[in-house]
Every structure is written in structure tokens, then in C-alpha cells.
Amino acid sequence: MTLPRILVAEPSAPIANALRKFLDGWAEVQVVSFVDEAVQAVRLRPPEVLIAAVSHTFDGELLAPQVRKQAPETAIILSYPPSEVETAPERARAVGVEGFMVGPLKQHHVLAMVQAVTRLNGLAAQVRELQARFAQLKSAAPKPAVRARSSLVGVNAPDETFFKKYMLLEVKRSKRYQYPVALLLVSLDKLHESLGESAPEFQRAAIRSEALEGLSVLLRDIDVAMPFAEDKYLLFLPHTPLIGCTVVAGRVVERLSKLDSFHGGTVSVGVASFDPAANPKEQVSFGGLVREATEALKKAQAAGGNRFSAPELPAPPKKKKDRISMG
């Protein structure tokens, strides 16, 4: 089995040695101490993952876009000092990296983060494969005598298990760093009925692939989109409040309902949201968010489709009337 390659860009020898020890036996680790060394290492042999420090002696936030330009498939994790615990989430999101860590670093946290972004790389590769297959389906003339296999990669047990673990990790991080997360359940309603039972499988596969391609265009680098069940997709949006995910849900409905190949069908989206800042005592789980999104999806479908259903936005706080003293 080939070990994943990880480039550690860290000027502190003790921290670099600790990261190498944490990852020993799980990955092939290369350590560099300067930004230009990191750029050169990526140019010569792009790693699967880059862990870059952000400190007064090393600017990982400056390095990240350079690496993204040279090696777009490399997942980037920024490592912030303990003093940046409050600002790290927003700073990492602004740079557009796949993950971030805040010291002091622990082995289980480092491994969980590296494994999460590595698995995300695998899912992204699946999306690219789907897009390539979809392009082939659109360009190739179908053969009536041959029934094509579906180009959609279904969610197998490992994928679903990873998605749950990744989401649980993000929920824990959202509680710790007080940022919201959202889950969208997207459905291509009655796809079989709209196409008819006689429609060849390649036609359904083309629509599913085109839908996944459309979803990937709407999402950010840190978002995750994956097939969840037949003609359904799960979208996970970290750092996204309820008002933001309703905007995304509206765009999903608008884009997918206009697919050229989706004749007569409707698109419905169920929205689930968790905001620890607004509800600090709220309990959340992967299953709970999926159930919430499923119930919302049913409401959107019952209302006729081509719409989304989401929790009500909290009412803005009432402004206190100014008191004027006279006399």
C-alpha cells in the first residue's frame, strides 16, 4: 500500500519533529523550514497534503495560494498558534484551505484532520471522474442494443462512514470555535417517472452526473457534495449560517431545475442547520441533521417541488425605545 505524501512546512524543529512522529507509519513525511523550500518541493513532487505553519516566522497563509496554483489537488492544512484560537477559523476560511489546526497540537487531532482532508481528496477525485464520464456520455452516441452501466458512483459503506466521521469532527470544531454548519438534502424528484420506464440507464446516469457537476460549481472548496441515495445528494456546508445556506438552497433549485436533460421533473431541497453561537445548549448529531433535512425535504416535495424548505430564521431582536426625560 502506497503511503500518502505529506509536506510539513514548519520552521520550529520541535513542532516539525512532533508532526513527523505523529504521522510516522501512516504517511511519508517531508519537512521544510522556509517558504521557498516549500514552493520548490511542491513544484518537484506535489504532495497529497501540505501542513503549513502560520506564525511570526512563517507565513503559511501566503504560501497556500502559491501551492494551490502549482498543485490544485494538494489539500492544505494551516497550523495556527494557540494565540490565534479566536481568529483561526475566519482566517483559514478566507484563504480557502481544506482545514486548520490550533496548537497545542495533539496526535489524535492531527491524524483526524489529515485523514479527513485525504478522504476529501478522494471524493473530489470521484467528482472529477463523474464529470469526465458525463462528458463522454454527452459526446458518445448511445447504442440501442447495449444497456450502459450507470456512471454515478454510489455511496458505499466506507464513504458514508467517512462522511459521518468528517461531519462529527466538523460539528465538534464548530462547537469549540463557535461557527455554524449546515446540511442540505437535494432530490431529483420522480426522475424515473419523468423519463419513463423505457428510458435507457445511460440517460438517467447522465442526468445524475450533470446534477453532481452542477452542484460542485455552486459550492466552495471547503464544502462537500456527495451522492447519498438514488437521485439524492448530501451537501455539507461548514462556516455557513442559516441565512447563507438558504441562499445556496435557492441557487441549487434554480440551477438543477433548468438542466437540459431533466425533462418534466422537479428539484426539492431540505435544509438543516446548527449554530452553536445562537443555541449553545443545542445537541446535534449526524443522524439528527439528516432527519431534520429529510423532514424539510418532504415538506418541499409536498408543496410541489422546485423549492426548498428550511427552518425559520430567528426574529431580529427588538430595538429598545429611547426614553426622553423632560422637565
C-alpha atoms as a PDB file:
ATOM      1  CA  MET A   1       0.000   0.000   0.000  1.00  0.00           C
ATOM      2  CA  THR A   2       1.384   3.410  -1.023  1.00  0.00           C
ATOM      3  CA  LEU A   3       1.596   5.852   1.860  1.00  0.00           C
ATOM      4  CA  PRO A   4       0.230   9.360   1.279  1.00  0.00           C
ATOM      5  CA  ARG A   5       2.879  12.051   0.935  1.00  0.00           C
ATOM      6  CA  ILE A   6       2.718  14.929   3.413  1.00  0.00           C
ATOM      7  CA  LEU A   7       4.841  18.056   3.228  1.00  0.00           C
ATOM      8  CA  VAL A   8       5.312  19.799   6.589  1.00  0.00           C
ATOM      9  CA  ALA A   9       6.316  23.460   6.247  1.00  0.00           C
ATOM     10  CA  GLU A  10       7.338  24.335   9.803  1.00  0.00           C
ATOM     11  CA  PRO A  11      10.332  26.446  10.953  1.00  0.00           C
ATOM     12  CA  SER A  12      10.186  25.150  14.541  1.00  0.00           C
ATOM     13  CA  ALA A  13      12.244  21.968  14.816  1.00  0.00           C
ATOM     14  CA  PRO A  14      10.384  20.653  17.920  1.00  0.00           C
ATOM     15  CA  ILE A  15       6.972  21.090  16.261  1.00  0.00           C
ATOM     16  CA  ALA A  16       8.198  19.618  12.971  1.00  0.00           C
ATOM     17  CA  ASN A  17       9.654  16.594  14.806  1.00  0.00           C
ATOM     18  CA  ALA A  18       6.391  16.139  16.724  1.00  0.00           C
ATOM     19  CA  LEU A  19       4.372  16.178  13.489  1.00  0.00           C
ATOM     20  CA  ARG A  20       6.754  13.670  11.910  1.00  0.00           C
ATOM     21  CA  LYS A  21       6.362  11.412  14.960  1.00  0.00           C
ATOM     22  CA  PHE A  22       2.560  11.759  14.895  1.00  0.00           C
ATOM     23  CA  LEU A  23       2.412  10.730  11.218  1.00  0.00           C
ATOM     24  CA  ASP A  24       5.102   8.042  11.360  1.00  0.00           C
ATOM     25  CA  GLY A  25       3.882   4.799   9.801  1.00  0.00           C
ATOM     26  CA  TRP A  26       0.786   6.440   8.334  1.00  0.00           C
ATOM     27  CA  ALA A  27       2.360   8.782   5.799  1.00  0.00           C
ATOM     28  CA  GLU A  28       5.617   9.632   4.054  1.00  0.00           C
ATOM     29  CA  VAL A  29       6.654  12.947   5.628  1.00  0.00           C
ATOM     30  CA  GLN A  30       8.970  15.616   4.207  1.00  0.00           C
ATOM     31  CA  VAL A  31       9.879  18.649   6.348  1.00  0.00           C
ATOM     32  CA  VAL A  32      10.956  22.091   5.093  1.00  0.00           C
ATOM     33  CA  SER A  33      11.681  25.236   7.099  1.00  0.00           C
ATOM     34  CA  PHE A  34      11.279  28.067   4.566  1.00  0.00           C
ATOM     35  CA  VAL A  35       8.575  29.229   2.143  1.00  0.00           C
ATOM     36  CA  ASP A  36      10.807  28.997  -0.933  1.00  0.00           C
ATOM     37  CA  GLU A  37      11.797  25.443   0.087  1.00  0.00           C
ATOM     38  CA  ALA A  38       8.114  24.514   0.298  1.00  0.00           C
ATOM     39  CA  VAL A  39       7.386  26.025  -3.141  1.00  0.00           C
ATOM     40  CA  GLN A  40      10.303  24.145  -4.669  1.00  0.00           C
ATOM     41  CA  ALA A  41       9.273  20.848  -3.011  1.00  0.00           C
ATOM     42  CA  VAL A  42       5.710  21.195  -4.322  1.00  0.00           C
ATOM     43  CA  ARG A  43       6.991  22.009  -7.804  1.00  0.00           C
ATOM     44  CA  LEU A  44       9.237  18.938  -7.899  1.00  0.00           C
ATOM     45  CA  ARG A  45       6.740  16.485  -6.415  1.00  0.00           C
ATOM     46  CA  PRO A  46       3.288  17.690  -5.328  1.00  0.00           C
ATOM     47  CA  PRO A  47       2.231  16.082  -2.022  1.00  0.00           C
ATOM     48  CA  GLU A  48      -1.230  14.848  -1.174  1.00  0.00           C
ATOM     49  CA  VAL A  49      -1.310  17.116   1.889  1.00  0.00           C
ATOM     50  CA  LEU A  50       0.559  20.255   2.944  1.00  0.00           C
ATOM     51  CA  ILE A  51       0.679  21.242   6.629  1.00  0.00           C
ATOM     52  CA  ALA A  52       1.894  24.845   6.804  1.00  0.00           C
ATOM     53  CA  ALA A  53       2.620  26.901   9.892  1.00  0.00           C
ATOM     54  CA  VAL A  54       1.220  30.382  10.429  1.00  0.00           C
ATOM     55  CA  SER A  55       3.489  32.315  12.777  1.00  0.00           C
ATOM     56  CA  HIS A  56       5.677  35.388  13.012  1.00  0.00           C
ATOM     57  CA  THR A  57       8.493  33.442  11.295  1.00  0.00           C
ATOM     58  CA  PHE A  58       6.478  31.547   8.661  1.00  0.00           C
ATOM     59  CA  ASP A  59       3.541  32.814   6.571  1.00  0.00           C
ATOM     60  CA  GLY A  60       1.512  29.741   5.671  1.00  0.00           C
ATOM     61  CA  GLU A  61      -1.368  31.944   4.526  1.00  0.00           C
ATOM     62  CA  LEU A  62       0.932  33.455   1.882  1.00  0.00           C
ATOM     63  CA  LEU A  63       2.230  30.026   0.882  1.00  0.00           C
ATOM     64  CA  ALA A  64      -1.249  28.475   0.465  1.00  0.00           C
ATOM     65  CA  PRO A  65      -2.298  30.291  -2.771  1.00  0.00           C
ATOM     66  CA  GLN A  66       1.110  29.627  -4.336  1.00  0.00           C
ATOM     67  CA  VAL A  67       0.715  25.902  -3.666  1.00  0.00           C
ATOM     68  CA  ARG A  68      -2.904  25.977  -4.870  1.00  0.00           C
ATOM     69  CA  LYS A  69      -1.738  27.469  -8.159  1.00  0.00           C
ATOM     70  CA  GLN A  70       1.031  24.912  -8.665  1.00  0.00           C
ATOM     71  CA  ALA A  71      -0.740  21.832  -7.291  1.00  0.00           C
ATOM     72  CA  PRO A  72      -4.548  22.310  -7.184  1.00  0.00           C
ATOM     73  CA  GLU A  73      -5.104  18.735  -5.998  1.00  0.00           C
ATOM     74  CA  THR A  74      -2.948  19.154  -2.876  1.00  0.00           C
ATOM     75  CA  ALA A  75      -5.023  19.528   0.304  1.00  0.00           C
ATOM     76  CA  ILE A  76      -3.770  22.337   2.546  1.00  0.00           C
ATOM     77  CA  ILE A  77      -3.954  22.451   6.366  1.00  0.00           C
ATOM     78  CA  LEU A  78      -2.844  25.590   8.202  1.00  0.00           C
ATOM     79  CA  SER A  79      -1.426  25.275  11.718  1.00  0.00           C
ATOM     80  CA  TYR A  80      -2.043  28.288  13.962  1.00  0.00           C
ATOM     81  CA  PRO A  81      -0.511  29.069  17.376  1.00  0.00           C
ATOM     82  CA  PRO A  82      -2.735  28.976  20.490  1.00  0.00           C
ATOM     83  CA  SER A  83      -2.925  32.781  20.493  1.00  0.00           C
ATOM     84  CA  GLU A  84      -4.972  32.657  17.251  1.00  0.00           C
ATOM     85  CA  VAL A  85      -7.730  30.371  18.568  1.00  0.00           C
ATOM     86  CA  GLU A  86     -10.364  33.079  18.032  1.00  0.00           C
ATOM     87  CA  THR A  87      -9.278  34.254  14.580  1.00  0.00           C
ATOM     88  CA  ALA A  88      -8.083  30.962  13.033  1.00  0.00           C
ATOM     89  CA  PRO A  89     -11.476  29.778  11.632  1.00  0.00           C
ATOM     90  CA  GLU A  90     -12.171  33.007   9.756  1.00  0.00           C
ATOM     91  CA  ARG A  91      -8.589  33.398   8.544  1.00  0.00           C
ATOM     92  CA  ALA A  92      -8.442  29.826   7.242  1.00  0.00           C
ATOM     93  CA  ARG A  93     -11.807  30.217   5.520  1.00  0.00           C
ATOM     94  CA  ALA A  94     -10.656  33.461   3.868  1.00  0.00           C
ATOM     95  CA  VAL A  95      -7.599  31.696   2.420  1.00  0.00           C
ATOM     96  CA  GLY A  96      -9.771  28.805   1.183  1.00  0.00           C
ATOM     97  CA  VAL A  97      -7.820  25.891   2.627  1.00  0.00           C
ATOM     98  CA  GLU A  98      -9.244  22.450   3.372  1.00  0.00           C
ATOM     99  CA  GLY A  99      -8.542  22.501   7.099  1.00  0.00           C
ATOM    100  CA  PHE A 100      -6.830  24.191  10.010  1.00  0.00           C
ATOM    101  CA  MET A 101      -5.458  23.270  13.427  1.00  0.00           C
ATOM    102  CA  VAL A 102      -4.749  25.366  16.513  1.00  0.00           C
ATOM    103  CA  GLY A 103      -1.947  24.474  18.907  1.00  0.00           C
ATOM    104  CA  PRO A 104      -1.002  22.855  21.118  1.00  0.00           C
ATOM    105  CA  LEU A 105      -1.183  20.022  18.579  1.00  0.00           C
ATOM    106  CA  LYS A 106      -2.309  16.567  19.694  1.00  0.00           C
ATOM    107  CA  GLN A 107      -1.650  13.371  17.747  1.00  0.00           C
ATOM    108  CA  HIS A 108      -5.295  12.281  17.512  1.00  0.00           C
ATOM    109  CA  HIS A 109      -6.320  15.725  16.258  1.00  0.00           C
ATOM    110  CA  VAL A 110      -3.547  15.852  13.643  1.00  0.00           C
ATOM    111  CA  LEU A 111      -4.338  12.345  12.367  1.00  0.00           C
ATOM    112  CA  ALA A 112      -8.072  13.036  12.234  1.00  0.00           C
ATOM    113  CA  MET A 113      -7.536  16.225  10.260  1.00  0.00           C
ATOM    114  CA  VAL A 114      -5.053  14.685   7.827  1.00  0.00           C
ATOM    115  CA  GLN A 115      -7.267  11.642   7.261  1.00  0.00           C
ATOM    116  CA  ALA A 116     -10.300  13.896   6.710  1.00  0.00           C
ATOM    117  CA  VAL A 117      -8.688  16.066   4.039  1.00  0.00           C
ATOM    118  CA  THR A 118      -7.127  12.998   2.409  1.00  0.00           C
ATOM    119  CA  ARG A 119     -10.547  11.391   2.146  1.00  0.00           C
ATOM    120  CA  LEU A 120     -11.967  14.651   0.800  1.00  0.00           C
ATOM    121  CA  ASN A 121      -9.311  14.494  -1.906  1.00  0.00           C
ATOM    122  CA  GLY A 122     -10.632  11.058  -2.813  1.00  0.00           C
ATOM    123  CA  LEU A 123     -14.193  12.342  -3.034  1.00  0.00           C
ATOM    124  CA  ALA A 124     -13.049  15.252  -5.191  1.00  0.00           C
ATOM    125  CA  ALA A 125     -11.340  12.765  -7.499  1.00  0.00           C
ATOM    126  CA  GLN A 126     -14.643  10.882  -7.759  1.00  0.00           C
ATOM    127  CA  VAL A 127     -16.395  14.094  -8.772  1.00  0.00           C
ATOM    128  CA  ARG A 128     -13.784  14.736 -11.472  1.00  0.00           C
ATOM    129  CA  GLU A 129     -14.230  11.174 -12.693  1.00  0.00           C
ATOM    130  CA  LEU A 130     -18.003  11.677 -12.860  1.00  0.00           C
ATOM    131  CA  GLN A 131     -17.537  14.873 -14.817  1.00  0.00           C
ATOM    132  CA  ALA A 132     -15.241  13.110 -17.276  1.00  0.00           C
ATOM    133  CA  ARG A 133     -17.698  10.234 -17.682  1.00  0.00           C
ATOM    134  CA  PHE A 134     -20.565  12.672 -18.153  1.00  0.00           C
ATOM    135  CA  ALA A 135     -18.627  14.456 -20.904  1.00  0.00           C
ATOM    136  CA  GLN A 136     -18.124  11.077 -22.610  1.00  0.00           C
ATOM    137  CA  LEU A 137     -21.826  10.258 -22.288  1.00  0.00           C
ATOM    138  CA  LYS A 138     -22.800  13.555 -23.886  1.00  0.00           C
ATOM    139  CA  SER A 139     -20.387  13.168 -26.784  1.00  0.00           C
ATOM    140  CA  ALA A 140     -20.860   9.461 -27.497  1.00  0.00           C
ATOM    141  CA  ALA A 141     -23.883   8.263 -29.433  1.00  0.00           C
ATOM    142  CA  PRO A 142     -25.775   5.546 -27.482  1.00  0.00           C
ATOM    143  CA  LYS A 143     -26.037   2.064 -28.888  1.00  0.00           C
ATOM    144  CA  PRO A 144     -29.686   0.871 -28.631  1.00  0.00           C
ATOM    145  CA  ALA A 145     -28.726  -2.780 -28.289  1.00  0.00           C
ATOM    146  CA  VAL A 146     -26.397  -2.194 -25.352  1.00  0.00           C
ATOM    147  CA  ARG A 147     -27.531  -1.053 -21.939  1.00  0.00           C
ATOM    148  CA  ALA A 148     -24.878   1.211 -20.491  1.00  0.00           C
ATOM    149  CA  ARG A 149     -23.830   0.976 -16.898  1.00  0.00           C
ATOM    150  CA  SER A 150     -24.597   3.905 -14.648  1.00  0.00           C
ATOM    151  CA  SER A 151     -21.774   6.418 -14.400  1.00  0.00           C
ATOM    152  CA  LEU A 152     -22.847   7.505 -10.926  1.00  0.00           C
ATOM    153  CA  VAL A 153     -20.590   6.315  -8.148  1.00  0.00           C
ATOM    154  CA  GLY A 154     -22.893   5.302  -5.331  1.00  0.00           C
ATOM    155  CA  VAL A 155     -22.214   5.919  -1.660  1.00  0.00           C
ATOM    156  CA  ASN A 156     -20.750   2.737  -0.276  1.00  0.00           C
ATOM    157  CA  ALA A 157     -20.287   1.958   3.398  1.00  0.00           C
ATOM    158  CA  PRO A 158     -16.760   3.414   3.693  1.00  0.00           C
ATOM    159  CA  ASP A 159     -17.856   6.678   2.047  1.00  0.00           C
ATOM    160  CA  GLU A 160     -20.861   7.031   4.342  1.00  0.00           C
ATOM    161  CA  THR A 161     -18.762   6.158   7.387  1.00  0.00           C
ATOM    162  CA  PHE A 162     -16.164   8.749   6.414  1.00  0.00           C
ATOM    163  CA  PHE A 163     -18.832  11.373   5.823  1.00  0.00           C
ATOM    164  CA  LYS A 164     -20.266  10.751   9.295  1.00  0.00           C
ATOM    165  CA  LYS A 165     -16.827  10.935  10.928  1.00  0.00           C
ATOM    166  CA  TYR A 166     -15.902  14.055   8.982  1.00  0.00           C
ATOM    167  CA  MET A 167     -19.170  15.734   9.867  1.00  0.00           C
ATOM    168  CA  LEU A 168     -18.911  14.806  13.544  1.00  0.00           C
ATOM    169  CA  LEU A 169     -15.388  16.262  13.566  1.00  0.00           C
ATOM    170  CA  GLU A 170     -16.641  19.475  11.972  1.00  0.00           C
ATOM    171  CA  VAL A 171     -19.559  19.702  14.416  1.00  0.00           C
ATOM    172  CA  LYS A 172     -17.139  19.358  17.349  1.00  0.00           C
ATOM    173  CA  ARG A 173     -14.942  22.040  15.815  1.00  0.00           C
ATOM    174  CA  SER A 174     -17.959  24.268  15.246  1.00  0.00           C
ATOM    175  CA  LYS A 175     -18.836  23.991  18.946  1.00  0.00           C
ATOM    176  CA  ARG A 176     -15.277  24.736  20.015  1.00  0.00           C
ATOM    177  CA  TYR A 177     -14.714  27.652  17.643  1.00  0.00           C
ATOM    178  CA  GLN A 178     -18.354  28.812  17.590  1.00  0.00           C
ATOM    179  CA  TYR A 179     -19.085  28.678  13.864  1.00  0.00           C
ATOM    180  CA  PRO A 180     -22.268  27.375  12.174  1.00  0.00           C
ATOM    181  CA  VAL A 181     -22.664  24.351   9.895  1.00  0.00           C
ATOM    182  CA  ALA A 182     -25.444  23.363   7.507  1.00  0.00           C
ATOM    183  CA  LEU A 183     -26.655  20.223   5.733  1.00  0.00           C
ATOM    184  CA  LEU A 184     -28.695  20.205   2.511  1.00  0.00           C
ATOM    185  CA  LEU A 185     -30.510  17.136   1.174  1.00  0.00           C
ATOM    186  CA  VAL A 186     -31.154  17.564  -2.561  1.00  0.00           C
ATOM    187  CA  SER A 187     -33.594  15.386  -4.506  1.00  0.00           C
ATOM    188  CA  LEU A 188     -34.245  14.957  -8.222  1.00  0.00           C
ATOM    189  CA  ASP A 189     -37.938  14.239  -7.707  1.00  0.00           C
ATOM    190  CA  LYS A 190     -39.574  11.396  -9.612  1.00  0.00           C
ATOM    191  CA  LEU A 191     -36.700  11.005 -12.061  1.00  0.00           C
ATOM    192  CA  HIS A 192     -37.875   7.557 -13.180  1.00  0.00           C
ATOM    193  CA  GLU A 193     -41.446   8.765 -13.732  1.00  0.00           C
ATOM    194  CA  SER A 194     -40.393  11.861 -15.659  1.00  0.00           C
ATOM    195  CA  LEU A 195     -38.173   9.857 -18.021  1.00  0.00           C
ATOM    196  CA  GLY A 196     -40.453   6.848 -18.343  1.00  0.00           C
ATOM    197  CA  GLU A 197     -39.714   3.214 -17.657  1.00  0.00           C
ATOM    198  CA  SER A 198     -38.410   2.696 -21.193  1.00  0.00           C
ATOM    199  CA  ALA A 199     -35.649   5.295 -20.822  1.00  0.00           C
ATOM    200  CA  PRO A 200     -32.173   3.715 -21.058  1.00  0.00           C
ATOM    201  CA  GLU A 201     -29.996   3.681 -17.962  1.00  0.00           C
ATOM    202  CA  PHE A 202     -27.321   5.860 -19.592  1.00  0.00           C
ATOM    203  CA  GLN A 203     -29.859   8.705 -19.768  1.00  0.00           C
ATOM    204  CA  ARG A 204     -30.540   8.561 -16.022  1.00  0.00           C
ATOM    205  CA  ALA A 205     -26.811   8.275 -15.366  1.00  0.00           C
ATOM    206  CA  ALA A 206     -26.139  11.350 -17.496  1.00  0.00           C
ATOM    207  CA  ILE A 207     -28.699  13.394 -15.551  1.00  0.00           C
ATOM    208  CA  ARG A 208     -27.284  12.299 -12.185  1.00  0.00           C
ATOM    209  CA  SER A 209     -23.748  13.141 -13.297  1.00  0.00           C
ATOM    210  CA  GLU A 210     -24.841  16.505 -14.702  1.00  0.00           C
ATOM    211  CA  ALA A 211     -26.612  17.278 -11.412  1.00  0.00           C
ATOM    212  CA  LEU A 212     -23.477  16.484  -9.371  1.00  0.00           C
ATOM    213  CA  GLU A 213     -21.417  18.624 -11.729  1.00  0.00           C
ATOM    214  CA  GLY A 214     -23.899  21.467 -11.279  1.00  0.00           C
ATOM    215  CA  LEU A 215     -23.709  21.166  -7.509  1.00  0.00           C
ATOM    216  CA  SER A 216     -19.914  21.264  -7.488  1.00  0.00           C
ATOM    217  CA  VAL A 217     -19.987  24.560  -9.399  1.00  0.00           C
ATOM    218  CA  LEU A 218     -22.162  26.181  -6.718  1.00  0.00           C
ATOM    219  CA  LEU A 219     -20.053  25.131  -3.731  1.00  0.00           C
ATOM    220  CA  ARG A 220     -16.855  26.438  -2.163  1.00  0.00           C
ATOM    221  CA  ASP A 221     -13.649  24.450  -1.795  1.00  0.00           C
ATOM    222  CA  ILE A 222     -14.434  23.683   1.846  1.00  0.00           C
ATOM    223  CA  ASP A 223     -17.936  22.338   1.071  1.00  0.00           C
ATOM    224  CA  VAL A 224     -18.650  18.663   0.400  1.00  0.00           C
ATOM    225  CA  ALA A 225     -21.163  17.255  -2.103  1.00  0.00           C
ATOM    226  CA  MET A 226     -21.746  13.547  -2.464  1.00  0.00           C
ATOM    227  CA  PRO A 227     -24.417  11.109  -3.696  1.00  0.00           C
ATOM    228  CA  PHE A 228     -26.498   9.959  -0.736  1.00  0.00           C
ATOM    229  CA  ALA A 229     -29.225   7.724  -2.167  1.00  0.00           C
ATOM    230  CA  GLU A 230     -30.847   7.150  -5.544  1.00  0.00           C
ATOM    231  CA  ASP A 231     -31.358  10.583  -7.141  1.00  0.00           C
ATOM    232  CA  LYS A 232     -30.409  12.356  -3.877  1.00  0.00           C
ATOM    233  CA  TYR A 233     -27.313  14.250  -2.755  1.00  0.00           C
ATOM    234  CA  LEU A 234     -25.973  15.500   0.567  1.00  0.00           C
ATOM    235  CA  LEU A 235     -24.276  18.865   0.752  1.00  0.00           C
ATOM    236  CA  PHE A 236     -22.310  19.772   3.880  1.00  0.00           C
ATOM    237  CA  LEU A 237     -21.504  23.470   4.326  1.00  0.00           C
ATOM    238  CA  PRO A 238     -19.174  24.414   7.213  1.00  0.00           C
ATOM    239  CA  HIS A 239     -18.930  28.056   8.321  1.00  0.00           C
ATOM    240  CA  THR A 240     -22.418  28.686   6.903  1.00  0.00           C
ATOM    241  CA  PRO A 241     -25.263  30.267   8.921  1.00  0.00           C
ATOM    242  CA  LEU A 242     -28.921  29.512   8.221  1.00  0.00           C
ATOM    243  CA  ILE A 243     -29.446  32.590   6.062  1.00  0.00           C
ATOM    244  CA  GLY A 244     -26.415  31.641   3.968  1.00  0.00           C
ATOM    245  CA  CYS A 245     -27.459  28.041   3.387  1.00  0.00           C
ATOM    246  CA  THR A 246     -30.963  29.140   2.294  1.00  0.00           C
ATOM    247  CA  VAL A 247     -29.288  31.244  -0.385  1.00  0.00           C
ATOM    248  CA  VAL A 248     -27.334  28.164  -1.523  1.00  0.00           C
ATOM    249  CA  ALA A 249     -30.519  26.047  -1.448  1.00  0.00           C
ATOM    250  CA  GLY A 250     -32.296  28.558  -3.679  1.00  0.00           C
ATOM    251  CA  ARG A 251     -29.410  28.511  -6.157  1.00  0.00           C
ATOM    252  CA  VAL A 252     -29.414  24.695  -6.178  1.00  0.00           C
ATOM    253  CA  VAL A 253     -33.122  24.593  -7.025  1.00  0.00           C
ATOM    254  CA  GLU A 254     -32.709  27.230  -9.734  1.00  0.00           C
ATOM    255  CA  ARG A 255     -29.717  25.568 -11.376  1.00  0.00           C
ATOM    256  CA  LEU A 256     -30.791  21.917 -11.274  1.00  0.00           C
ATOM    257  CA  SER A 257     -34.398  22.603 -12.310  1.00  0.00           C
ATOM    258  CA  LYS A 258     -33.035  24.069 -15.552  1.00  0.00           C
ATOM    259  CA  LEU A 259     -30.959  21.048 -16.559  1.00  0.00           C
ATOM    260  CA  ASP A 260     -31.492  20.451 -20.266  1.00  0.00           C
ATOM    261  CA  SER A 261     -31.696  16.708 -19.775  1.00  0.00           C
ATOM    262  CA  PHE A 262     -34.121  16.789 -16.818  1.00  0.00           C
ATOM    263  CA  HIS A 263     -37.481  16.799 -18.613  1.00  0.00           C
ATOM    264  CA  GLY A 264     -40.608  17.390 -16.538  1.00  0.00           C
ATOM    265  CA  GLY A 265     -39.017  16.634 -13.168  1.00  0.00           C
ATOM    266  CA  THR A 266     -38.743  18.857 -10.113  1.00  0.00           C
ATOM    267  CA  VAL A 267     -35.943  19.596  -7.671  1.00  0.00           C
ATOM    268  CA  SER A 268     -36.525  19.781  -3.918  1.00  0.00           C
ATOM    269  CA  VAL A 269     -34.096  20.680  -1.127  1.00  0.00           C
ATOM    270  CA  GLY A 270     -34.365  20.132   2.621  1.00  0.00           C
ATOM    271  CA  VAL A 271     -32.203  22.323   4.855  1.00  0.00           C
ATOM    272  CA  ALA A 272     -30.839  21.536   8.323  1.00  0.00           C
ATOM    273  CA  SER A 273     -28.714  23.992  10.295  1.00  0.00           C
ATOM    274  CA  PHE A 274     -26.701  24.075  13.523  1.00  0.00           C
ATOM    275  CA  ASP A 275     -25.436  27.326  15.022  1.00  0.00           C
ATOM    276  CA  PRO A 276     -23.718  26.936  18.425  1.00  0.00           C
ATOM    277  CA  ALA A 277     -23.487  30.694  18.885  1.00  0.00           C
ATOM    278  CA  ALA A 278     -27.264  31.115  18.589  1.00  0.00           C
ATOM    279  CA  ASN A 279     -28.145  27.931  20.502  1.00  0.00           C
ATOM    280  CA  PRO A 280     -25.212  27.000  22.775  1.00  0.00           C
ATOM    281  CA  LYS A 281     -27.155  24.248  24.571  1.00  0.00           C
ATOM    282  CA  GLU A 282     -28.495  22.565  21.428  1.00  0.00           C
ATOM    283  CA  GLN A 283     -27.487  18.922  20.942  1.00  0.00           C
ATOM    284  CA  VAL A 284     -26.622  17.814  17.412  1.00  0.00           C
ATOM    285  CA  SER A 285     -25.625  14.610  15.609  1.00  0.00           C
ATOM    286  CA  PHE A 286     -25.150  13.390  12.057  1.00  0.00           C
ATOM    287  CA  GLY A 287     -28.371  11.392  12.231  1.00  0.00           C
ATOM    288  CA  GLY A 288     -30.259  14.322  13.740  1.00  0.00           C
ATOM    289  CA  LEU A 289     -29.222  16.693  10.964  1.00  0.00           C
ATOM    290  CA  VAL A 290     -30.070  14.110   8.295  1.00  0.00           C
ATOM    291  CA  ARG A 291     -33.519  13.580   9.868  1.00  0.00           C
ATOM    292  CA  GLU A 292     -34.086  17.332  10.030  1.00  0.00           C
ATOM    293  CA  ALA A 293     -33.078  17.732   6.384  1.00  0.00           C
ATOM    294  CA  THR A 294     -35.249  14.750   5.370  1.00  0.00           C
ATOM    295  CA  GLU A 295     -38.340  16.217   7.050  1.00  0.00           C
ATOM    296  CA  ALA A 296     -37.689  19.557   5.380  1.00  0.00           C
ATOM    297  CA  LEU A 297     -37.262  17.793   2.026  1.00  0.00           C
ATOM    298  CA  LYS A 298     -40.649  16.086   2.416  1.00  0.00           C
ATOM    299  CA  LYS A 299     -42.271  19.479   3.039  1.00  0.00           C
ATOM    300  CA  ALA A 300     -40.707  20.900  -0.123  1.00  0.00           C
ATOM    301  CA  GLN A 301     -41.874  17.890  -2.155  1.00  0.00           C
ATOM    302  CA  ALA A 302     -45.389  18.034  -0.676  1.00  0.00           C
ATOM    303  CA  ALA A 303     -45.596  21.696  -1.715  1.00  0.00           C
ATOM    304  CA  GLY A 304     -44.993  20.743  -5.355  1.00  0.00           C
ATOM    305  CA  GLY A 305     -41.203  20.673  -5.675  1.00  0.00           C
ATOM    306  CA  ASN A 306     -38.867  23.161  -7.336  1.00  0.00           C
ATOM    307  CA  ARG A 307     -38.376  24.779  -3.945  1.00  0.00           C
ATOM    308  CA  PHE A 308     -36.553  24.362  -0.663  1.00  0.00           C
ATOM    309  CA  SER A 309     -37.763  24.060   2.905  1.00  0.00           C
ATOM    310  CA  ALA A 310     -35.718  25.372   5.822  1.00  0.00           C
ATOM    311  CA  PRO A 311     -36.127  26.282   9.493  1.00  0.00           C
ATOM    312  CA  GLU A 312     -37.495  29.743  10.115  1.00  0.00           C
ATOM    313  CA  LEU A 313     -34.898  32.456  10.536  1.00  0.00           C
ATOM    314  CA  PRO A 314     -34.813  33.802  14.107  1.00  0.00           C
ATOM    315  CA  ALA A 315     -36.601  37.113  14.528  1.00  0.00           C
ATOM    316  CA  PRO A 316     -34.262  40.092  14.898  1.00  0.00           C
ATOM    317  CA  PRO A 317     -34.074  41.477  18.421  1.00  0.00           C
ATOM    318  CA  LYS A 318     -36.490  44.315  19.109  1.00  0.00           C
ATOM    319  CA  LYS A 319     -34.943  47.716  19.381  1.00  0.00           C
ATOM    320  CA  LYS A 320     -35.396  49.371  22.710  1.00  0.00           C
ATOM    321  CA  LYS A 321     -37.260  52.628  22.546  1.00  0.00           C
ATOM    322  CA  ASP A 322     -35.260  55.640  23.581  1.00  0.00           C
ATOM    323  CA  ARG A 323     -36.641  57.298  26.675  1.00  0.00           C
ATOM    324  CA  ILE A 324     -36.690  61.052  26.736  1.00  0.00           C
ATOM    325  CA  SER A 325     -36.717  62.818  30.074  1.00  0.00           C
ATOM    326  CA  MET A 326     -38.317  66.225  30.171  1.00  0.00           C
ATOM    327  CA  GLY A 327     -38.522  68.765  32.904  1.00  0.00           C
END
